[in-house]
């Protein structure tokens, strides 16, 4: 007896260790889910992109080193001396000659020539593109953060959906097993009565069909649970041997709030809906993201306008050497240039880009307005769905209560031979269908709550 108790205790402890709350499951998913981790990586990428855009304001330094190696033939030709006759005022040769070579003319032609120079470029004004580009990078960073928040909310909801569906199907499985056991018990009774000539063969056949249908239903439920566990594993990104399963939920703890939602008057529903839509407008990351998308499109249109403006840049260049030795000791010179560029005619490219960005902005506005309406409509539908689900729980509670009372009465009457086998079969189906419908209604209500919260989360 002690050994059996110890085994049962170990089984209970092991099961408890594998069970996990919804909040813990969501935390694990945020740490492991690859799709969500990708959205977090986008934030880091956007931060570096912002820093990259900031560098466009600063000067650029470049140190250039050039090595020019001449082949023998070219070197000899460049340094070959030729003699140019000297002419008098009348164009007649004086008999004198001047020695000349290309190498001498260029202060020395080297077989190997080293040139070292430093260039500094400072942008002053480029049609506002640098400033606007930096603003866009800042907005893109905010957008990445909001996308990560939306990803977190969507992931939390997906975890909650799978979590609750697993629990729901486990409860449905338990009810189906009870239904099968009850059907098998009734089949046994009817079979005994049939052997004694106290019931018809059709009664026995009806219960045999019921048993087989219950077995098929049970198998379908088990398959659905297996599929859900695969989805659960993917969401949490955990190996099979360490995969925790959802812990049971006490469904009746939601009865008070379910009754409140089910009994809301029309005016109360209107006030509640107004509060939900206000919170959605203020907090929903998706709506905030849409605003930023519109701002980025406007900045892009401004950049297209900036193509018509002039640009100004400064450049300083200094050459340290240009000789046959890499010792930074040779010919030196420097230049400072102020470069102004005016776009007079660009073959219509600037104008067409401006028109393209204009209609792109209009397209974005229409798309964003449509997306805003859908998000707000989704929040509204989720609220009404929550009210409907609460009423469904209340209705199924009453239906189950009536089904239990009906089954008890019909079962007693059947034992007395006062009702038919079909009536008992109907009462049996009604009873277990009522239990399933109530369990499903509870979980659907809880999931509807999470779906509504998804719209109002920051």
Protein backbone atom coordinates (compact mmCIF):
# COMPACT_ATOMS: atom_id res chain seq x y z
CA UNK A 1 0.00 0.00 0.00
CA UNK A 2 2.83 2.40 0.87
CA UNK A 3 4.54 1.57 -2.42
CA UNK A 4 1.40 2.43 -4.40
CA UNK A 5 1.00 5.69 -2.47
CA UNK A 6 4.64 6.64 -3.17
CA UNK A 7 4.21 5.94 -6.89
CA UNK A 8 1.05 8.06 -7.02
CA UNK A 9 2.85 10.85 -5.15
CA UNK A 10 5.77 10.78 -7.61
CA UNK A 11 3.36 10.89 -10.52
CA UNK A 12 1.58 13.88 -8.97
CA UNK A 13 4.83 15.75 -8.32
CA UNK A 14 6.12 15.06 -11.82
CA UNK A 15 2.84 16.27 -13.33
CA UNK A 16 2.96 19.42 -11.22
CA UNK A 17 6.47 20.17 -12.41
CA UNK A 18 5.36 19.88 -16.02
CA UNK A 19 2.34 22.18 -15.52
CA UNK A 20 2.80 25.88 -16.22
CA UNK A 21 0.67 29.01 -15.80
CA UNK A 22 -0.30 31.15 -18.77
CA UNK A 23 1.87 34.07 -17.60
CA UNK A 24 4.90 31.79 -17.30
CA UNK A 25 4.22 30.33 -20.74
CA UNK A 26 4.05 33.80 -22.28
CA UNK A 27 7.34 34.74 -20.60
CA UNK A 28 9.04 31.62 -21.99
CA UNK A 29 7.66 32.31 -25.46
CA UNK A 30 9.05 35.87 -25.39
CA UNK A 31 12.47 34.49 -24.50
CA UNK A 32 12.52 31.67 -27.06
CA UNK A 33 10.12 32.33 -29.93
CA UNK A 34 12.26 32.96 -33.01
CA UNK A 35 9.76 35.15 -34.81
CA UNK A 36 9.47 37.47 -31.80
CA UNK A 37 13.25 37.55 -31.31
CA UNK A 38 13.52 38.71 -34.92
CA UNK A 39 11.35 41.75 -34.11
CA UNK A 40 13.64 42.57 -31.16
CA UNK A 41 16.64 42.34 -33.49
CA UNK A 42 14.91 44.91 -35.71
CA UNK A 43 15.14 47.42 -32.85
CA UNK A 44 18.92 47.05 -32.64
CA UNK A 45 19.17 47.33 -36.40
CA UNK A 46 17.08 50.52 -36.34
CA UNK A 47 19.25 52.02 -33.58
CA UNK A 48 22.39 51.49 -35.64
CA UNK A 49 20.62 52.85 -38.69
CA UNK A 50 19.84 56.03 -36.73
CA UNK A 51 23.50 56.37 -35.73
CA UNK A 52 24.49 55.79 -39.34
CA UNK A 53 22.18 58.60 -40.48
CA UNK A 54 23.70 60.89 -37.83
CA UNK A 55 27.19 60.41 -39.31
CA UNK A 56 26.06 62.23 -42.47
CA UNK A 57 26.27 65.52 -40.53
CA UNK A 58 29.96 65.05 -39.67
CA UNK A 59 33.05 65.53 -41.85
CA UNK A 60 34.55 62.55 -43.66
CA UNK A 61 38.32 61.94 -43.54
CA UNK A 62 40.12 59.75 -46.03
CA UNK A 63 43.85 59.04 -46.29
CA UNK A 64 44.82 57.85 -49.77
CA UNK A 65 48.06 56.16 -50.73
CA UNK A 66 48.86 55.55 -54.41
CA UNK A 67 51.79 53.48 -55.70
CA UNK A 68 52.56 53.82 -59.42
CA UNK A 69 55.09 51.38 -60.89
CA UNK A 70 56.37 52.03 -64.43
CA UNK A 71 57.71 49.26 -66.62
CA UNK A 72 61.26 49.67 -67.99
CA UNK A 73 60.22 50.72 -71.48
CA UNK A 74 57.84 53.43 -70.25
CA UNK A 75 60.36 54.67 -67.69
CA UNK A 76 63.18 54.89 -70.30
CA UNK A 77 60.94 56.65 -72.79
CA UNK A 78 59.82 59.18 -70.15
CA UNK A 79 63.42 59.98 -69.15
CA UNK A 80 64.94 59.92 -72.63
CA UNK A 81 66.68 63.20 -73.41
CA UNK A 82 65.93 64.95 -76.68
CA UNK A 83 67.52 68.13 -77.94
CA UNK A 84 65.50 71.07 -79.15
CA UNK A 85 67.29 73.59 -81.44
CA UNK A 86 67.40 77.22 -80.36
CA UNK A 87 66.00 79.67 -82.93
CA UNK A 88 66.75 83.37 -83.31
CA UNK A 89 64.18 86.13 -83.76
CA UNK A 90 63.95 85.34 -87.44
CA UNK A 91 63.36 81.63 -86.89
CA UNK A 92 66.84 80.55 -87.86
CA UNK A 93 68.82 77.98 -85.89
CA UNK A 94 71.57 79.43 -83.75
CA UNK A 95 73.39 76.11 -83.56
CA UNK A 96 72.61 75.75 -79.88
CA UNK A 97 70.37 72.98 -78.50
CA UNK A 98 68.36 72.62 -75.29
CA UNK A 99 68.21 69.16 -73.65
CA UNK A 100 64.63 68.08 -72.76
CA UNK A 101 62.90 65.04 -71.18
CA UNK A 102 59.39 64.36 -69.79
CA UNK A 103 60.87 63.29 -66.48
CA UNK A 104 62.80 66.55 -66.09
CA UNK A 105 59.69 68.57 -66.97
CA UNK A 106 57.68 66.93 -64.17
CA UNK A 107 60.41 67.49 -61.55
CA UNK A 108 61.56 63.91 -61.88
CA UNK A 109 59.91 60.79 -63.27
CA UNK A 110 60.35 57.85 -60.92
CA UNK A 111 60.12 54.21 -61.74
CA UNK A 112 58.10 53.75 -58.55
CA UNK A 113 56.10 56.79 -57.43
CA UNK A 114 54.42 57.14 -53.98
CA UNK A 115 51.63 59.68 -53.53
CA UNK A 116 50.06 60.30 -50.11
CA UNK A 117 47.11 62.65 -49.63
CA UNK A 118 44.47 63.53 -47.03
CA UNK A 119 40.95 64.60 -48.01
CA UNK A 120 38.33 66.12 -45.66
CA UNK A 121 34.75 66.62 -46.85
CA UNK A 122 32.11 68.54 -44.88
CA UNK A 123 28.50 68.64 -46.09
CA UNK A 124 26.83 72.02 -45.47
CA UNK A 125 23.44 71.77 -47.16
CA UNK A 126 22.05 69.13 -49.51
CA UNK A 127 18.44 70.10 -50.04
CA UNK A 128 17.54 69.00 -46.51
CA UNK A 129 18.12 65.35 -47.39
CA UNK A 130 20.60 64.74 -44.57
CA UNK A 131 18.31 66.20 -41.89
CA UNK A 132 15.20 64.49 -43.29
CA UNK A 133 17.08 61.21 -43.59
CA UNK A 134 18.03 61.43 -39.93
CA UNK A 135 14.41 62.17 -38.97
CA UNK A 136 13.24 59.15 -40.97
CA UNK A 137 15.79 56.93 -39.21
CA UNK A 138 14.50 58.13 -35.81
CA UNK A 139 10.92 57.40 -36.85
CA UNK A 140 12.00 53.99 -38.14
CA UNK A 141 13.48 53.23 -34.72
CA UNK A 142 10.20 54.17 -33.01
CA UNK A 143 8.41 52.04 -35.57
CA UNK A 144 10.65 49.05 -34.80
CA UNK A 145 9.89 49.43 -31.08
CA UNK A 146 6.14 49.56 -31.76
CA UNK A 147 6.38 46.57 -34.08
CA UNK A 148 8.10 44.67 -31.29
CA UNK A 149 5.27 45.62 -28.90
CA UNK A 150 2.70 44.49 -31.45
CA UNK A 151 4.67 41.28 -31.91
CA UNK A 152 4.67 40.74 -28.14
CA UNK A 153 0.90 41.30 -27.94
CA UNK A 154 0.28 38.95 -30.86
CA UNK A 155 2.59 36.33 -29.40
CA UNK A 156 0.93 36.59 -25.98
CA UNK A 157 -2.45 36.12 -27.62
CA UNK A 158 -1.24 33.15 -29.69
CA UNK A 159 0.15 31.53 -26.54
CA UNK A 160 -3.12 32.20 -24.69
CA UNK A 161 -5.16 30.85 -27.60
CA UNK A 162 -3.17 27.61 -27.81
CA UNK A 163 -2.99 27.32 -24.00
CA UNK A 164 -6.76 27.61 -23.62
CA UNK A 165 -7.48 25.36 -26.60
CA UNK A 166 -5.33 22.61 -25.09
CA UNK A 167 -7.18 22.91 -21.77
CA UNK A 168 -10.52 23.02 -23.59
CA UNK A 169 -9.75 19.91 -25.59
CA UNK A 170 -8.51 18.13 -22.45
CA UNK A 171 -11.83 18.88 -20.77
CA UNK A 172 -13.72 17.80 -23.88
CA UNK A 173 -11.62 14.62 -23.88
CA UNK A 174 -12.56 13.91 -20.28
CA UNK A 175 -16.25 14.49 -21.01
CA UNK A 176 -16.02 12.28 -24.12
CA UNK A 177 -14.44 9.50 -22.08
CA UNK A 178 -17.29 9.79 -19.57
CA UNK A 179 -19.77 9.72 -22.44
CA UNK A 180 -18.15 6.59 -23.88
CA UNK A 181 -18.09 4.89 -20.48
CA UNK A 182 -21.76 5.75 -19.97
CA UNK A 183 -22.66 4.50 -23.45
CA UNK A 184 -20.81 1.25 -22.84
CA UNK A 185 -22.61 0.81 -19.49
CA UNK A 186 -26.00 1.42 -21.14
CA UNK A 187 -25.11 -0.99 -23.95
CA UNK A 188 -24.28 -3.63 -21.34
CA UNK A 189 -27.65 -3.13 -19.62
CA UNK A 190 -29.60 -3.22 -22.88
CA UNK A 191 -27.67 -6.31 -24.02
CA UNK A 192 -28.56 -8.12 -20.79
CA UNK A 193 -32.23 -7.17 -21.19
CA UNK A 194 -32.14 -8.28 -24.83
CA UNK A 195 -30.71 -11.67 -23.80
CA UNK A 196 -33.59 -11.99 -21.37
CA UNK A 197 -36.09 -10.96 -24.04
CA UNK A 198 -36.92 -7.71 -22.21
CA UNK A 199 -35.77 -5.29 -24.95
CA UNK A 200 -35.72 -5.05 -28.70
CA UNK A 201 -32.72 -5.68 -30.91
CA UNK A 202 -33.05 -2.14 -32.30
CA UNK A 203 -32.41 -0.80 -28.79
CA UNK A 204 -29.17 -2.76 -28.60
CA UNK A 205 -28.14 -1.62 -32.10
CA UNK A 206 -28.77 2.05 -31.23
CA UNK A 207 -26.41 1.85 -28.26
CA UNK A 208 -23.81 -0.01 -30.32
CA UNK A 209 -23.89 2.84 -32.85
CA UNK A 210 -23.61 5.35 -29.99
CA UNK A 211 -20.55 3.55 -28.58
CA UNK A 212 -18.81 3.48 -31.95
CA UNK A 213 -19.56 7.15 -32.58
CA UNK A 214 -18.19 8.03 -29.14
CA UNK A 215 -14.99 6.11 -29.91
CA UNK A 216 -14.54 7.98 -33.19
CA UNK A 217 -15.17 11.31 -31.45
CA UNK A 218 -12.62 10.39 -28.79
CA UNK A 219 -10.01 9.59 -31.42
CA UNK A 220 -10.63 12.88 -33.23
CA UNK A 221 -10.20 14.82 -29.99
CA UNK A 222 -6.90 13.05 -29.24
CA UNK A 223 -5.64 13.92 -32.72
CA UNK A 224 -6.62 17.57 -32.21
CA UNK A 225 -4.72 17.65 -28.92
CA UNK A 226 -1.62 16.25 -30.65
CA UNK A 227 -1.81 19.00 -33.27
CA UNK A 228 -2.25 21.66 -30.59
CA UNK A 229 0.79 20.36 -28.69
CA UNK A 230 2.86 20.70 -31.87
CA UNK A 231 1.76 24.33 -32.18
CA UNK A 232 2.47 24.79 -28.45
CA UNK A 233 5.98 23.44 -28.85
CA UNK A 234 6.65 25.79 -31.76
CA UNK A 235 5.40 28.83 -29.84
CA UNK A 236 7.55 28.10 -26.79
CA UNK A 237 10.49 26.72 -28.83
CA UNK A 238 11.19 24.04 -26.23
CA UNK A 239 12.30 20.45 -26.73
CA UNK A 240 9.79 17.63 -26.18
CA UNK A 241 11.47 16.30 -23.04
CA UNK A 242 11.24 19.73 -21.38
CA UNK A 243 7.91 20.87 -22.81
CA UNK A 244 5.60 22.06 -20.00
CA UNK A 245 1.86 21.75 -20.44
CA UNK A 246 -0.88 24.17 -19.34
CA UNK A 247 -2.07 23.89 -15.76
CA UNK A 248 -5.80 23.57 -15.15
CA UNK A 249 -7.99 26.64 -14.73
CA UNK A 250 -10.87 26.92 -12.25
CA UNK A 251 -13.55 28.03 -14.69
CA UNK A 252 -16.15 29.05 -12.12
CA UNK A 253 -13.86 31.89 -10.94
CA UNK A 254 -15.06 33.82 -14.00
CA UNK A 255 -18.76 33.53 -13.12
CA UNK A 256 -19.08 36.98 -11.51
CA UNK A 257 -17.60 38.90 -14.43
CA UNK A 258 -19.49 36.71 -16.90
CA UNK A 259 -22.76 37.61 -15.19
CA UNK A 260 -21.84 41.32 -15.32
CA UNK A 261 -21.12 41.23 -19.07
CA UNK A 262 -24.22 39.15 -19.77
CA UNK A 263 -26.46 41.62 -17.92
CA UNK A 264 -25.12 44.86 -19.46
CA UNK A 265 -27.84 47.24 -20.61
CA UNK A 266 -27.63 48.96 -24.00
CA UNK A 267 -26.44 52.23 -22.44
CA UNK A 268 -23.83 50.40 -20.35
CA UNK A 269 -22.58 48.61 -23.45
CA UNK A 270 -22.28 51.93 -25.30
CA UNK A 271 -20.26 53.47 -22.45
CA UNK A 272 -18.07 50.38 -22.17
CA UNK A 273 -17.45 50.36 -25.91
CA UNK A 274 -16.54 54.07 -25.88
CA UNK A 275 -13.96 53.41 -23.15
CA UNK A 276 -12.52 50.46 -25.10
CA UNK A 277 -12.19 52.47 -28.33
CA UNK A 278 -10.57 55.37 -26.45
CA UNK A 279 -7.99 53.05 -24.90
CA UNK A 280 -7.38 51.43 -28.28
CA UNK A 281 -6.73 54.81 -29.91
CA UNK A 282 -4.39 55.86 -27.09
CA UNK A 283 -2.44 52.66 -26.50
CA UNK A 284 -2.68 50.30 -29.47
CA UNK A 285 0.87 49.90 -30.93
CA UNK A 286 -0.56 49.15 -34.35
CA UNK A 287 -2.37 52.49 -34.51
CA UNK A 288 0.74 54.35 -33.31
CA UNK A 289 2.75 52.51 -35.95
CA UNK A 290 0.34 53.67 -38.64
CA UNK A 291 0.86 57.30 -37.61
CA UNK A 292 4.63 56.90 -37.89
CA UNK A 293 4.27 55.25 -41.31
CA UNK A 294 2.36 58.31 -42.51
CA UNK A 295 5.02 60.65 -41.09
CA UNK A 296 7.77 58.70 -42.89
CA UNK A 297 5.84 58.98 -46.16
CA UNK A 298 5.58 62.75 -45.64
CA UNK A 299 9.33 62.99 -45.02
CA UNK A 300 9.92 61.04 -48.24
CA UNK A 301 7.78 63.59 -50.11
CA UNK A 302 9.83 66.41 -48.58
CA UNK A 303 13.04 64.74 -49.75
CA UNK A 304 11.63 64.68 -53.29
CA UNK A 305 10.98 68.44 -52.98
CA UNK A 306 14.56 68.93 -51.75
CA UNK A 307 15.89 67.64 -55.06
CA UNK A 308 15.03 71.07 -56.55
CA UNK A 309 17.23 72.90 -54.00
CA UNK A 310 20.98 73.60 -54.39
CA UNK A 311 23.62 71.78 -52.39
CA UNK A 312 26.76 73.17 -50.72
CA UNK A 313 29.81 71.22 -49.57
CA UNK A 314 33.35 72.01 -48.43
CA UNK A 315 36.43 69.95 -49.28
CA UNK A 316 40.01 70.25 -48.08
CA UNK A 317 42.80 68.19 -49.70
CA UNK A 318 46.45 68.00 -48.73
CA UNK A 319 49.15 66.05 -50.56
CA UNK A 320 52.01 65.02 -48.27
CA UNK A 321 54.39 63.58 -50.84
CA UNK A 322 54.84 62.48 -54.42
CA UNK A 323 58.27 60.90 -54.95
CA UNK A 324 60.08 57.60 -55.08
CA UNK A 325 60.16 57.03 -51.31
CA UNK A 326 57.40 56.28 -48.81
CA UNK A 327 58.71 58.68 -46.13
CA UNK A 328 56.06 61.45 -46.11
CA UNK A 329 58.77 63.85 -47.23
CA UNK A 330 58.27 64.98 -50.78
CA UNK A 331 56.22 67.42 -52.80
CA UNK A 332 53.36 68.91 -50.80
CA UNK A 333 50.37 71.01 -51.77
CA UNK A 334 46.87 71.70 -50.48
CA UNK A 335 43.53 72.95 -51.76
CA UNK A 336 40.27 74.15 -50.21
CA UNK A 337 37.18 74.01 -52.37
CA UNK A 338 33.62 75.25 -51.74
CA UNK A 339 31.35 73.33 -54.08
CA UNK A 340 27.89 74.64 -54.92
CA UNK A 341 25.60 72.58 -57.14
CA UNK A 342 22.37 73.92 -58.67
CA UNK A 343 19.96 71.42 -60.28
CA UNK A 344 18.98 73.35 -63.39
CA UNK A 345 17.72 70.51 -65.56
CA UNK A 346 17.78 66.83 -64.67
CA UNK A 347 15.87 65.50 -67.71
CA UNK A 348 12.65 65.62 -65.68
CA UNK A 349 13.91 63.13 -63.06
CA UNK A 350 13.30 65.43 -60.09
CA UNK A 351 9.81 66.35 -61.25
CA UNK A 352 8.76 62.75 -61.89
CA UNK A 353 10.17 61.70 -58.50
CA UNK A 354 8.17 64.48 -56.86
CA UNK A 355 4.95 63.35 -58.52
CA UNK A 356 5.68 59.73 -57.67
CA UNK A 357 6.24 60.57 -53.98
CA UNK A 358 3.05 62.67 -53.97
CA UNK A 359 0.88 59.79 -55.12
CA UNK A 360 2.80 57.38 -52.89
CA UNK A 361 1.86 59.60 -49.94
CA UNK A 362 -1.79 59.63 -51.04
CA UNK A 363 -1.76 55.84 -51.37
CA UNK A 364 -0.27 55.47 -47.89
CA UNK A 365 -2.93 57.77 -46.41
CA UNK A 366 -5.77 55.72 -47.92
CA UNK A 367 -4.17 52.44 -46.79
CA UNK A 368 -3.60 53.75 -43.27
CA UNK A 369 -7.13 55.10 -42.96
CA UNK A 370 -8.42 51.68 -43.96
CA UNK A 371 -6.10 49.95 -41.48
CA UNK A 372 -7.18 52.31 -38.65
CA UNK A 373 -10.83 51.58 -39.33
CA UNK A 374 -10.16 47.84 -39.30
CA UNK A 375 -8.28 47.99 -35.99
CA UNK A 376 -11.07 49.99 -34.33
CA UNK A 377 -13.68 47.74 -35.92
CA UNK A 378 -11.76 44.71 -34.62
CA UNK A 379 -11.81 46.14 -31.09
CA UNK A 380 -15.55 46.82 -31.36
CA UNK A 381 -16.28 43.34 -32.69
CA UNK A 382 -14.15 41.79 -29.94
CA UNK A 383 -16.18 43.60 -27.29
CA UNK A 384 -19.52 42.44 -28.71
CA UNK A 385 -18.07 38.95 -29.11
CA UNK A 386 -17.10 38.99 -25.41
CA UNK A 387 -20.67 39.95 -24.44
CA UNK A 388 -22.04 37.17 -26.66
CA UNK A 389 -19.67 34.60 -25.17
CA UNK A 390 -20.68 35.61 -21.64
CA UNK A 391 -24.35 35.13 -22.51
CA UNK A 392 -23.50 31.78 -24.04
CA UNK A 393 -21.92 30.64 -20.77
CA UNK A 394 -25.01 31.71 -18.83
CA UNK A 395 -27.30 29.99 -21.33
CA UNK A 396 -25.25 26.76 -21.40
CA UNK A 397 -25.15 26.69 -17.59
CA UNK A 398 -28.93 26.72 -17.53
CA UNK A 399 -29.12 24.19 -20.39
CA UNK A 400 -26.79 21.78 -18.56
CA UNK A 401 -28.80 22.10 -15.37
CA UNK A 402 -31.96 21.21 -17.30
CA UNK A 403 -30.17 18.39 -19.17
CA UNK A 404 -29.02 16.84 -15.88
CA UNK A 405 -32.53 17.01 -14.44
CA UNK A 406 -34.00 15.61 -17.66
CA UNK A 407 -31.46 12.75 -17.76
CA UNK A 408 -32.21 11.83 -14.16
CA UNK A 409 -35.97 11.75 -14.79
CA UNK A 410 -35.73 9.84 -18.08
CA UNK A 411 -33.28 7.32 -16.62
CA UNK A 412 -35.65 6.60 -13.70
CA UNK A 413 -38.62 6.27 -16.04
CA UNK A 414 -36.65 3.97 -18.34
CA UNK A 415 -35.84 1.70 -15.42
CA UNK A 416 -39.59 1.47 -14.84
CA UNK A 417 -40.28 0.81 -18.52
CA UNK A 418 -42.22 4.06 -18.92
CA UNK A 419 -40.07 5.65 -21.69
CA UNK A 420 -38.47 4.28 -24.83
CA UNK A 421 -34.83 3.53 -25.44
CA UNK A 422 -34.67 6.39 -27.97
CA UNK A 423 -35.77 8.88 -25.32
CA UNK A 424 -33.04 7.66 -22.97
CA UNK A 425 -30.51 7.89 -25.80
CA UNK A 426 -31.60 11.48 -26.53
CA UNK A 427 -31.31 12.39 -22.85
CA UNK A 428 -27.82 10.86 -22.73
CA UNK A 429 -26.69 12.81 -25.80
CA UNK A 430 -28.23 16.01 -24.43
CA UNK A 431 -26.45 15.59 -21.09
CA UNK A 432 -22.93 15.16 -22.41
CA UNK A 433 -23.44 17.69 -25.21
CA UNK A 434 -24.47 20.17 -22.51
CA UNK A 435 -21.31 19.47 -20.52
CA UNK A 436 -19.15 19.94 -23.63
CA UNK A 437 -20.97 23.11 -24.69
CA UNK A 438 -20.52 24.66 -21.25
CA UNK A 439 -16.81 23.84 -21.09
CA UNK A 440 -16.27 25.20 -24.60
CA UNK A 441 -18.26 28.35 -23.76
CA UNK A 442 -16.09 29.07 -20.70
CA UNK A 443 -12.85 28.80 -22.66
CA UNK A 444 -14.27 30.80 -25.56
CA UNK A 445 -15.18 33.57 -23.11
CA UNK A 446 -11.67 33.64 -21.59
CA UNK A 447 -10.09 33.70 -25.05
CA UNK A 448 -12.43 36.53 -26.08
CA UNK A 449 -11.12 38.48 -23.07
CA UNK A 450 -7.52 38.06 -24.24
CA UNK A 451 -8.49 39.00 -27.77
CA UNK A 452 -10.05 42.25 -26.54
CA UNK A 453 -7.07 43.03 -24.30
CA UNK A 454 -4.79 42.65 -27.32
CA UNK A 455 -6.30 45.80 -28.86
CA UNK A 456 -5.91 47.92 -25.70
CA UNK A 457 -2.43 46.82 -24.62
CA UNK A 458 0.39 49.35 -24.73
